[in-house]
Amino acid sequence: MKLLALMAASTMALAGSAFAAPPAPASGAPSGIKNIVIVPDAFVDGSGWRVAHDILIHKGYHVQVVQEHFASLDDDVSIANEIIRQQDGPTLLVGHGYGGAVISIAGAREKVRGLVYVGAVQPDVGEAVSQILASVPQPSNDIRTGRDGHLFFDPAKFGADYAGDLSTNRTDFMAASQAPATAAAFGGMAYVAAWRTKPSYAVVATEDRVLSPDLQRSMYKRAGSTVTEIKASHAVYISQPEAVAGVIEQAATHAQ
């Protein structure tokens, strides 16, 4: 009887381990800034940040992703400011593409202690996204204007130029589900440049065909940003989430 009981207990233990829950997020709080707010690029939504988000929350960070309207720069800054207001304590802002313009303004809030630009524009006061894009020849010219005046990324070129290091089925869906922007959003001028007074970090996507890597380097050098170069497309946050999360973690640790 004792042998049967031991066998039954062993069987139950094995069955339990087969259906065990995945490890819980790390309980230890990271050093430095705990709150991270991510502002995505135009033409996409925040869902592409899922893997980077998961990496960071499992290290104990509190992460929120802004969903902009892309109607105007001021509107998107207001949306970001509301998310920043909800954070409990010092906050790090992360911007991708157009999102860099948003964090350059929203980053002026006292609660924001640092900025991370991921293949992002980094405007100075009086500069607009459209002005920055026109300042040097870009690797591609795929932004189109619809009959309603909204801007969209040419679906036929989305895979090759926006996210050349992702699978076709992924980029086909991103092209089909993209979020149009407006000329007003791209033409909105920055009225403050938070990177002038707060520490900034930047990722140069060296294979970027949306925002010239040389332009990225020039902007980040002007700002004195701590730069990391990653061999990736404009969708670096999707194709290289571990590397991007590592830069964000570095910034959160050092930008006090």
C-alpha atoms as a PDB file:
ATOM      1  CA  MET A   1       0.000   0.000   0.000  1.00  0.00           C
ATOM      2  CA  LYS A   2       2.834   2.348   0.875  1.00  0.00           C
ATOM      3  CA  LEU A   3       4.439   1.723  -2.556  1.00  0.00           C
ATOM      4  CA  LEU A   4       1.150   2.483  -4.331  1.00  0.00           C
ATOM      5  CA  ALA A   5       0.773   5.698  -2.380  1.00  0.00           C
ATOM      6  CA  LEU A   6       4.300   6.809  -3.287  1.00  0.00           C
ATOM      7  CA  MET A   7       3.674   6.019  -6.969  1.00  0.00           C
ATOM      8  CA  ALA A   8       0.434   8.003  -6.921  1.00  0.00           C
ATOM      9  CA  ALA A   9       2.148  10.994  -5.304  1.00  0.00           C
ATOM     10  CA  SER A  10       4.936  10.922  -7.890  1.00  0.00           C
ATOM     11  CA  THR A  11       2.413  10.802 -10.726  1.00  0.00           C
ATOM     12  CA  MET A  12       0.540  13.807  -9.325  1.00  0.00           C
ATOM     13  CA  ALA A  13       3.788  15.762  -8.952  1.00  0.00           C
ATOM     14  CA  LEU A  14       4.757  15.081 -12.557  1.00  0.00           C
ATOM     15  CA  ALA A  15       1.302  16.050 -13.798  1.00  0.00           C
ATOM     16  CA  GLY A  16       1.430  19.249 -11.795  1.00  0.00           C
ATOM     17  CA  SER A  17       4.816  20.190 -13.234  1.00  0.00           C
ATOM     18  CA  ALA A  18       3.562  19.646 -16.782  1.00  0.00           C
ATOM     19  CA  PHE A  19       0.870  22.273 -16.276  1.00  0.00           C
ATOM     20  CA  ALA A  20       2.816  24.628 -14.034  1.00  0.00           C
ATOM     21  CA  ALA A  21       2.238  28.333 -14.540  1.00  0.00           C
ATOM     22  CA  PRO A  22       5.011  30.340 -16.251  1.00  0.00           C
ATOM     23  CA  PRO A  23       7.402  32.259 -14.014  1.00  0.00           C
ATOM     24  CA  ALA A  24       5.875  35.396 -12.505  1.00  0.00           C
ATOM     25  CA  PRO A  25       7.328  38.816 -13.305  1.00  0.00           C
ATOM     26  CA  ALA A  26      10.358  39.759 -11.247  1.00  0.00           C
ATOM     27  CA  SER A  27       9.341  41.066  -7.841  1.00  0.00           C
ATOM     28  CA  GLY A  28      12.540  43.013  -7.177  1.00  0.00           C
ATOM     29  CA  ALA A  29      12.333  46.676  -8.125  1.00  0.00           C
ATOM     30  CA  PRO A  30      15.021  47.815 -10.580  1.00  0.00           C
ATOM     31  CA  SER A  31      17.447  50.556  -9.621  1.00  0.00           C
ATOM     32  CA  GLY A  32      16.824  54.000 -11.069  1.00  0.00           C
ATOM     33  CA  ILE A  33      13.636  55.094 -12.829  1.00  0.00           C
ATOM     34  CA  LYS A  34      10.767  52.588 -12.580  1.00  0.00           C
ATOM     35  CA  ASN A  35       8.186  54.148 -14.926  1.00  0.00           C
ATOM     36  CA  ILE A  36       8.582  53.956 -18.700  1.00  0.00           C
ATOM     37  CA  VAL A  37       6.192  55.590 -21.194  1.00  0.00           C
ATOM     38  CA  ILE A  38       6.567  54.611 -24.860  1.00  0.00           C
ATOM     39  CA  VAL A  39       5.351  56.847 -27.705  1.00  0.00           C
ATOM     40  CA  PRO A  40       5.130  54.979 -31.063  1.00  0.00           C
ATOM     41  CA  ASP A  41       5.764  56.222 -34.577  1.00  0.00           C
ATOM     42  CA  ALA A  42       3.111  57.413 -37.025  1.00  0.00           C
ATOM     43  CA  PHE A  43       1.521  54.790 -39.314  1.00  0.00           C
ATOM     44  CA  VAL A  44       1.724  52.098 -36.613  1.00  0.00           C
ATOM     45  CA  ASP A  45       0.166  51.505 -33.200  1.00  0.00           C
ATOM     46  CA  GLY A  46       1.653  50.410 -29.911  1.00  0.00           C
ATOM     47  CA  SER A  47       1.200  46.654 -30.399  1.00  0.00           C
ATOM     48  CA  GLY A  48       4.630  46.259 -31.988  1.00  0.00           C
ATOM     49  CA  TRP A  49       6.197  47.133 -28.637  1.00  0.00           C
ATOM     50  CA  ARG A  50       4.773  43.990 -27.010  1.00  0.00           C
ATOM     51  CA  VAL A  51       8.036  42.035 -26.728  1.00  0.00           C
ATOM     52  CA  ALA A  52      10.111  44.984 -25.486  1.00  0.00           C
ATOM     53  CA  HIS A  53       7.287  45.766 -23.031  1.00  0.00           C
ATOM     54  CA  ASP A  54       7.307  42.201 -21.711  1.00  0.00           C
ATOM     55  CA  ILE A  55      11.090  42.174 -21.306  1.00  0.00           C
ATOM     56  CA  LEU A  56      10.939  45.338 -19.229  1.00  0.00           C
ATOM     57  CA  ILE A  57       7.974  44.437 -17.020  1.00  0.00           C
ATOM     58  CA  HIS A  58       9.613  41.097 -16.166  1.00  0.00           C
ATOM     59  CA  LYS A  59      12.536  43.130 -14.848  1.00  0.00           C
ATOM     60  CA  GLY A  60      10.227  45.079 -12.573  1.00  0.00           C
ATOM     61  CA  TYR A  61       9.522  48.200 -14.650  1.00  0.00           C
ATOM     62  CA  HIS A  62       6.093  49.755 -14.997  1.00  0.00           C
ATOM     63  CA  VAL A  63       5.517  50.303 -18.725  1.00  0.00           C
ATOM     64  CA  GLN A  64       2.719  52.094 -20.571  1.00  0.00           C
ATOM     65  CA  VAL A  65       2.354  52.646 -24.309  1.00  0.00           C
ATOM     66  CA  VAL A  66       0.707  55.797 -25.665  1.00  0.00           C
ATOM     67  CA  GLN A  67      -1.807  55.441 -28.507  1.00  0.00           C
ATOM     68  CA  GLU A  68      -1.673  58.703 -30.445  1.00  0.00           C
ATOM     69  CA  HIS A  69      -4.345  60.069 -32.793  1.00  0.00           C
ATOM     70  CA  PHE A  70      -1.833  61.585 -35.280  1.00  0.00           C
ATOM     71  CA  ALA A  71      -4.272  64.466 -35.875  1.00  0.00           C
ATOM     72  CA  SER A  72      -1.913  67.166 -34.618  1.00  0.00           C
ATOM     73  CA  LEU A  73       1.341  67.296 -32.702  1.00  0.00           C
ATOM     74  CA  ASP A  74      -0.283  69.276 -29.874  1.00  0.00           C
ATOM     75  CA  ASP A  75      -3.021  66.663 -29.544  1.00  0.00           C
ATOM     76  CA  ASP A  76      -0.514  63.825 -29.353  1.00  0.00           C
ATOM     77  CA  VAL A  77       1.525  65.705 -26.757  1.00  0.00           C
ATOM     78  CA  SER A  78      -1.658  66.128 -24.689  1.00  0.00           C
ATOM     79  CA  ILE A  79      -2.345  62.396 -24.899  1.00  0.00           C
ATOM     80  CA  ALA A  80       1.218  61.632 -23.785  1.00  0.00           C
ATOM     81  CA  ASN A  81       0.976  64.185 -20.958  1.00  0.00           C
ATOM     82  CA  GLU A  82      -2.079  62.432 -19.561  1.00  0.00           C
ATOM     83  CA  ILE A  83      -0.228  59.106 -19.445  1.00  0.00           C
ATOM     84  CA  ILE A  84       2.759  60.818 -17.824  1.00  0.00           C
ATOM     85  CA  ARG A  85       0.421  62.368 -15.221  1.00  0.00           C
ATOM     86  CA  GLN A  86      -0.740  58.875 -14.244  1.00  0.00           C
ATOM     87  CA  GLN A  87       2.790  57.693 -13.411  1.00  0.00           C
ATOM     88  CA  ASP A  88       3.754  57.367  -9.764  1.00  0.00           C
ATOM     89  CA  GLY A  89       7.177  58.971  -9.601  1.00  0.00           C
ATOM     90  CA  PRO A  90      10.061  59.720 -11.978  1.00  0.00           C
ATOM     91  CA  THR A  91       9.427  58.652 -15.566  1.00  0.00           C
ATOM     92  CA  LEU A  92      11.460  57.839 -18.667  1.00  0.00           C
ATOM     93  CA  LEU A  93      10.021  58.665 -22.106  1.00  0.00           C
ATOM     94  CA  VAL A  94      10.750  56.548 -25.189  1.00  0.00           C
ATOM     95  CA  GLY A  95       9.882  57.779 -28.687  1.00  0.00           C
ATOM     96  CA  HIS A  96      10.081  56.041 -32.058  1.00  0.00           C
ATOM     97  CA  GLY A  97      10.010  57.894 -35.397  1.00  0.00           C
ATOM     98  CA  TYR A  98       7.428  60.682 -35.150  1.00  0.00           C
ATOM     99  CA  GLY A  99       7.125  59.838 -31.444  1.00  0.00           C
ATOM    100  CA  GLY A 100      10.460  61.564 -30.950  1.00  0.00           C
ATOM    101  CA  ALA A 101       8.780  64.912 -31.619  1.00  0.00           C
ATOM    102  CA  VAL A 102       6.155  64.107 -28.998  1.00  0.00           C
ATOM    103  CA  ILE A 103       8.634  63.215 -26.261  1.00  0.00           C
ATOM    104  CA  SER A 104      10.800  66.263 -27.047  1.00  0.00           C
ATOM    105  CA  ILE A 105       7.869  68.422 -25.928  1.00  0.00           C
ATOM    106  CA  ALA A 106       6.163  66.218 -23.331  1.00  0.00           C
ATOM    107  CA  GLY A 107       9.571  65.555 -21.789  1.00  0.00           C
ATOM    108  CA  ALA A 108       9.601  69.073 -20.360  1.00  0.00           C
ATOM    109  CA  ARG A 109       7.316  67.923 -17.544  1.00  0.00           C
ATOM    110  CA  GLU A 110       9.117  67.843 -14.193  1.00  0.00           C
ATOM    111  CA  LYS A 111       8.291  64.172 -13.652  1.00  0.00           C
ATOM    112  CA  VAL A 112      10.233  63.170 -16.776  1.00  0.00           C
ATOM    113  CA  ARG A 113      13.894  62.514 -15.980  1.00  0.00           C
ATOM    114  CA  GLY A 114      15.205  61.183 -19.274  1.00  0.00           C
ATOM    115  CA  LEU A 115      14.442  60.570 -22.958  1.00  0.00           C
ATOM    116  CA  VAL A 116      15.166  57.685 -25.322  1.00  0.00           C
ATOM    117  CA  TYR A 117      14.985  58.218 -29.097  1.00  0.00           C
ATOM    118  CA  VAL A 118      14.628  54.991 -31.096  1.00  0.00           C
ATOM    119  CA  GLY A 119      15.171  55.712 -34.786  1.00  0.00           C
ATOM    120  CA  ALA A 120      13.310  58.904 -33.962  1.00  0.00           C
ATOM    121  CA  VAL A 121      13.267  62.547 -34.961  1.00  0.00           C
ATOM    122  CA  GLN A 122      14.731  64.849 -32.338  1.00  0.00           C
ATOM    123  CA  PRO A 123      13.519  68.374 -33.135  1.00  0.00           C
ATOM    124  CA  ASP A 124      14.870  71.562 -31.672  1.00  0.00           C
ATOM    125  CA  VAL A 125      12.613  74.514 -30.887  1.00  0.00           C
ATOM    126  CA  GLY A 126      10.904  75.742 -34.066  1.00  0.00           C
ATOM    127  CA  GLU A 127      11.518  72.526 -36.023  1.00  0.00           C
ATOM    128  CA  ALA A 128       8.811  70.229 -37.403  1.00  0.00           C
ATOM    129  CA  VAL A 129       8.929  66.576 -38.451  1.00  0.00           C
ATOM    130  CA  SER A 130       8.274  67.504 -42.091  1.00  0.00           C
ATOM    131  CA  GLN A 131      11.100  70.063 -41.975  1.00  0.00           C
ATOM    132  CA  ILE A 132      13.521  67.515 -40.519  1.00  0.00           C
ATOM    133  CA  LEU A 133      12.606  64.900 -43.135  1.00  0.00           C
ATOM    134  CA  ALA A 134      13.137  67.437 -45.929  1.00  0.00           C
ATOM    135  CA  SER A 135      16.486  68.642 -44.593  1.00  0.00           C
ATOM    136  CA  VAL A 136      18.484  65.801 -46.173  1.00  0.00           C
ATOM    137  CA  PRO A 137      17.711  63.171 -48.831  1.00  0.00           C
ATOM    138  CA  GLN A 138      15.932  60.238 -47.213  1.00  0.00           C
ATOM    139  CA  PRO A 139      16.523  56.572 -48.170  1.00  0.00           C
ATOM    140  CA  SER A 140      12.970  56.303 -49.520  1.00  0.00           C
ATOM    141  CA  ASN A 141       9.972  58.469 -50.372  1.00  0.00           C
ATOM    142  CA  ASP A 142       7.010  56.256 -49.508  1.00  0.00           C
ATOM    143  CA  ILE A 143       4.656  58.625 -47.679  1.00  0.00           C
ATOM    144  CA  ARG A 144       1.544  59.259 -49.755  1.00  0.00           C
ATOM    145  CA  THR A 145      -1.425  61.613 -49.364  1.00  0.00           C
ATOM    146  CA  GLY A 146      -4.940  60.193 -49.611  1.00  0.00           C
ATOM    147  CA  ARG A 147      -7.957  61.994 -51.091  1.00  0.00           C
ATOM    148  CA  ASP A 148      -9.043  62.959 -47.602  1.00  0.00           C
ATOM    149  CA  GLY A 149      -5.697  64.626 -46.971  1.00  0.00           C
ATOM    150  CA  HIS A 150      -4.373  61.981 -44.566  1.00  0.00           C
ATOM    151  CA  LEU A 151      -0.833  60.688 -44.926  1.00  0.00           C
ATOM    152  CA  PHE A 152      -0.127  56.986 -45.222  1.00  0.00           C
ATOM    153  CA  PHE A 153       2.854  54.767 -45.954  1.00  0.00           C
ATOM    154  CA  ASP A 154       2.744  53.121 -49.394  1.00  0.00           C
ATOM    155  CA  PRO A 155       1.512  49.569 -48.612  1.00  0.00           C
ATOM    156  CA  ALA A 156       3.437  48.100 -51.551  1.00  0.00           C
ATOM    157  CA  LYS A 157       6.711  49.356 -50.067  1.00  0.00           C
ATOM    158  CA  PHE A 158       5.962  48.931 -46.379  1.00  0.00           C
ATOM    159  CA  GLY A 159       7.766  45.611 -46.070  1.00  0.00           C
ATOM    160  CA  ALA A 160      10.915  46.612 -47.951  1.00  0.00           C
ATOM    161  CA  ASP A 161      11.330  50.124 -46.566  1.00  0.00           C
ATOM    162  CA  TYR A 162       9.647  50.349 -43.156  1.00  0.00           C
ATOM    163  CA  ALA A 163      10.477  46.894 -41.840  1.00  0.00           C
ATOM    164  CA  GLY A 164      12.868  45.103 -44.162  1.00  0.00           C
ATOM    165  CA  ASP A 165      14.050  42.701 -41.460  1.00  0.00           C
ATOM    166  CA  LEU A 166      10.587  41.337 -40.591  1.00  0.00           C
ATOM    167  CA  SER A 167       8.694  38.497 -42.249  1.00  0.00           C
ATOM    168  CA  THR A 168       6.344  39.284 -45.134  1.00  0.00           C
ATOM    169  CA  ASN A 169       3.225  38.092 -43.331  1.00  0.00           C
ATOM    170  CA  ARG A 170       4.051  40.489 -40.468  1.00  0.00           C
ATOM    171  CA  THR A 171       4.702  43.503 -42.694  1.00  0.00           C
ATOM    172  CA  ASP A 172       1.686  42.804 -44.913  1.00  0.00           C
ATOM    173  CA  PHE A 173      -0.549  43.065 -41.843  1.00  0.00           C
ATOM    174  CA  MET A 174       1.234  46.186 -40.577  1.00  0.00           C
ATOM    175  CA  ALA A 175       0.687  47.824 -43.972  1.00  0.00           C
ATOM    176  CA  ALA A 176      -2.988  46.840 -44.022  1.00  0.00           C
ATOM    177  CA  SER A 177      -3.646  48.022 -40.454  1.00  0.00           C
ATOM    178  CA  GLN A 178      -1.571  51.203 -40.435  1.00  0.00           C
ATOM    179  CA  ALA A 179      -2.812  54.347 -38.698  1.00  0.00           C
ATOM    180  CA  PRO A 180      -2.867  57.356 -41.080  1.00  0.00           C
ATOM    181  CA  ALA A 181      -1.413  60.658 -39.937  1.00  0.00           C
ATOM    182  CA  THR A 182      -2.059  64.232 -40.998  1.00  0.00           C
ATOM    183  CA  ALA A 183       0.073  66.942 -42.531  1.00  0.00           C
ATOM    184  CA  ALA A 184      -0.775  69.004 -39.435  1.00  0.00           C
ATOM    185  CA  ALA A 185       0.877  66.434 -37.179  1.00  0.00           C
ATOM    186  CA  PHE A 186       4.023  66.354 -39.298  1.00  0.00           C
ATOM    187  CA  GLY A 187       4.008  70.135 -39.643  1.00  0.00           C
ATOM    188  CA  GLY A 188       3.605  70.931 -35.956  1.00  0.00           C
ATOM    189  CA  MET A 189       6.609  72.839 -34.625  1.00  0.00           C
ATOM    190  CA  ALA A 190       8.311  71.958 -31.371  1.00  0.00           C
ATOM    191  CA  TYR A 191       7.986  74.786 -28.870  1.00  0.00           C
ATOM    192  CA  VAL A 192      10.355  73.187 -26.377  1.00  0.00           C
ATOM    193  CA  ALA A 193      13.233  70.711 -26.672  1.00  0.00           C
ATOM    194  CA  ALA A 194      13.435  68.727 -23.456  1.00  0.00           C
ATOM    195  CA  TRP A 195      16.695  67.086 -24.551  1.00  0.00           C
ATOM    196  CA  ARG A 196      18.428  70.423 -24.011  1.00  0.00           C
ATOM    197  CA  THR A 197      17.999  70.129 -20.251  1.00  0.00           C
ATOM    198  CA  LYS A 198      17.543  66.401 -19.631  1.00  0.00           C
ATOM    199  CA  PRO A 199      19.721  63.364 -20.367  1.00  0.00           C
ATOM    200  CA  SER A 200      18.932  61.665 -23.645  1.00  0.00           C
ATOM    201  CA  TYR A 201      19.776  58.294 -25.153  1.00  0.00           C
ATOM    202  CA  ALA A 202      19.361  57.235 -28.760  1.00  0.00           C
ATOM    203  CA  VAL A 203      19.265  54.181 -30.994  1.00  0.00           C
ATOM    204  CA  VAL A 204      20.494  54.579 -34.566  1.00  0.00           C
ATOM    205  CA  ALA A 205      18.883  51.937 -36.796  1.00  0.00           C
ATOM    206  CA  THR A 206      21.720  51.533 -39.289  1.00  0.00           C
ATOM    207  CA  GLU A 207      19.542  49.907 -41.986  1.00  0.00           C
ATOM    208  CA  ASP A 208      16.715  52.445 -41.630  1.00  0.00           C
ATOM    209  CA  ARG A 209      15.039  53.296 -44.953  1.00  0.00           C
ATOM    210  CA  VAL A 210      12.501  55.712 -43.464  1.00  0.00           C
ATOM    211  CA  LEU A 211      14.707  58.091 -41.475  1.00  0.00           C
ATOM    212  CA  SER A 212      18.267  58.484 -42.749  1.00  0.00           C
ATOM    213  CA  PRO A 213      20.767  56.898 -40.334  1.00  0.00           C
ATOM    214  CA  ASP A 214      23.134  59.804 -41.037  1.00  0.00           C
ATOM    215  CA  LEU A 215      20.388  62.261 -40.092  1.00  0.00           C
ATOM    216  CA  GLN A 216      19.779  60.278 -36.912  1.00  0.00           C
ATOM    217  CA  ARG A 217      23.473  60.504 -36.038  1.00  0.00           C
ATOM    218  CA  SER A 218      23.506  64.247 -36.754  1.00  0.00           C
ATOM    219  CA  MET A 219      20.498  64.987 -34.540  1.00  0.00           C
ATOM    220  CA  TYR A 220      21.749  62.809 -31.693  1.00  0.00           C
ATOM    221  CA  LYS A 221      25.220  64.360 -31.863  1.00  0.00           C
ATOM    222  CA  ARG A 222      23.670  67.845 -31.682  1.00  0.00           C
ATOM    223  CA  ALA A 223      21.788  66.819 -28.558  1.00  0.00           C
ATOM    224  CA  GLY A 224      24.750  65.122 -26.923  1.00  0.00           C
ATOM    225  CA  SER A 225      22.747  61.899 -26.636  1.00  0.00           C
ATOM    226  CA  THR A 226      24.330  58.627 -25.564  1.00  0.00           C
ATOM    227  CA  VAL A 227      24.111  56.651 -28.821  1.00  0.00           C
ATOM    228  CA  THR A 228      23.808  52.931 -29.523  1.00  0.00           C
ATOM    229  CA  GLU A 229      23.869  51.687 -33.110  1.00  0.00           C
ATOM    230  CA  ILE A 230      21.848  48.585 -33.985  1.00  0.00           C
ATOM    231  CA  LYS A 231      21.856  46.881 -37.380  1.00  0.00           C
ATOM    232  CA  ALA A 232      18.131  46.930 -38.082  1.00  0.00           C
ATOM    233  CA  SER A 233      15.344  48.536 -40.100  1.00  0.00           C
ATOM    234  CA  HIS A 234      13.122  51.387 -38.945  1.00  0.00           C
ATOM    235  CA  ALA A 235      11.151  48.680 -37.122  1.00  0.00           C
ATOM    236  CA  VAL A 236      14.157  48.037 -34.870  1.00  0.00           C
ATOM    237  CA  TYR A 237      11.912  47.867 -31.792  1.00  0.00           C
ATOM    238  CA  ILE A 238      10.216  44.787 -33.295  1.00  0.00           C
ATOM    239  CA  SER A 239      13.169  43.056 -34.973  1.00  0.00           C
ATOM    240  CA  GLN A 240      15.643  43.734 -32.124  1.00  0.00           C
ATOM    241  CA  PRO A 241      13.482  44.099 -28.999  1.00  0.00           C
ATOM    242  CA  GLU A 242      16.132  42.772 -26.614  1.00  0.00           C
ATOM    243  CA  ALA A 243      18.695  45.330 -27.778  1.00  0.00           C
ATOM    244  CA  VAL A 244      16.196  48.191 -27.644  1.00  0.00           C
ATOM    245  CA  ALA A 245      14.997  47.134 -24.189  1.00  0.00           C
ATOM    246  CA  GLY A 246      18.643  47.075 -23.097  1.00  0.00           C
ATOM    247  CA  VAL A 247      19.116  50.714 -24.125  1.00  0.00           C
ATOM    248  CA  ILE A 248      15.920  51.675 -22.305  1.00  0.00           C
ATOM    249  CA  GLU A 249      17.097  49.864 -19.182  1.00  0.00           C
ATOM    250  CA  GLN A 250      20.466  51.623 -19.386  1.00  0.00           C
ATOM    251  CA  ALA A 251      18.725  54.981 -19.609  1.00  0.00           C
ATOM    252  CA  ALA A 252      16.373  54.162 -16.723  1.00  0.00           C
ATOM    253  CA  THR A 253      19.372  53.185 -14.568  1.00  0.00           C
ATOM    254  CA  HIS A 254      21.489  56.269 -15.271  1.00  0.00           C
ATOM    255  CA  ALA A 255      18.992  59.095 -15.915  1.00  0.00           C
ATOM    256  CA  GLN A 256      18.137  60.050 -12.336  1.00  0.00           C
END
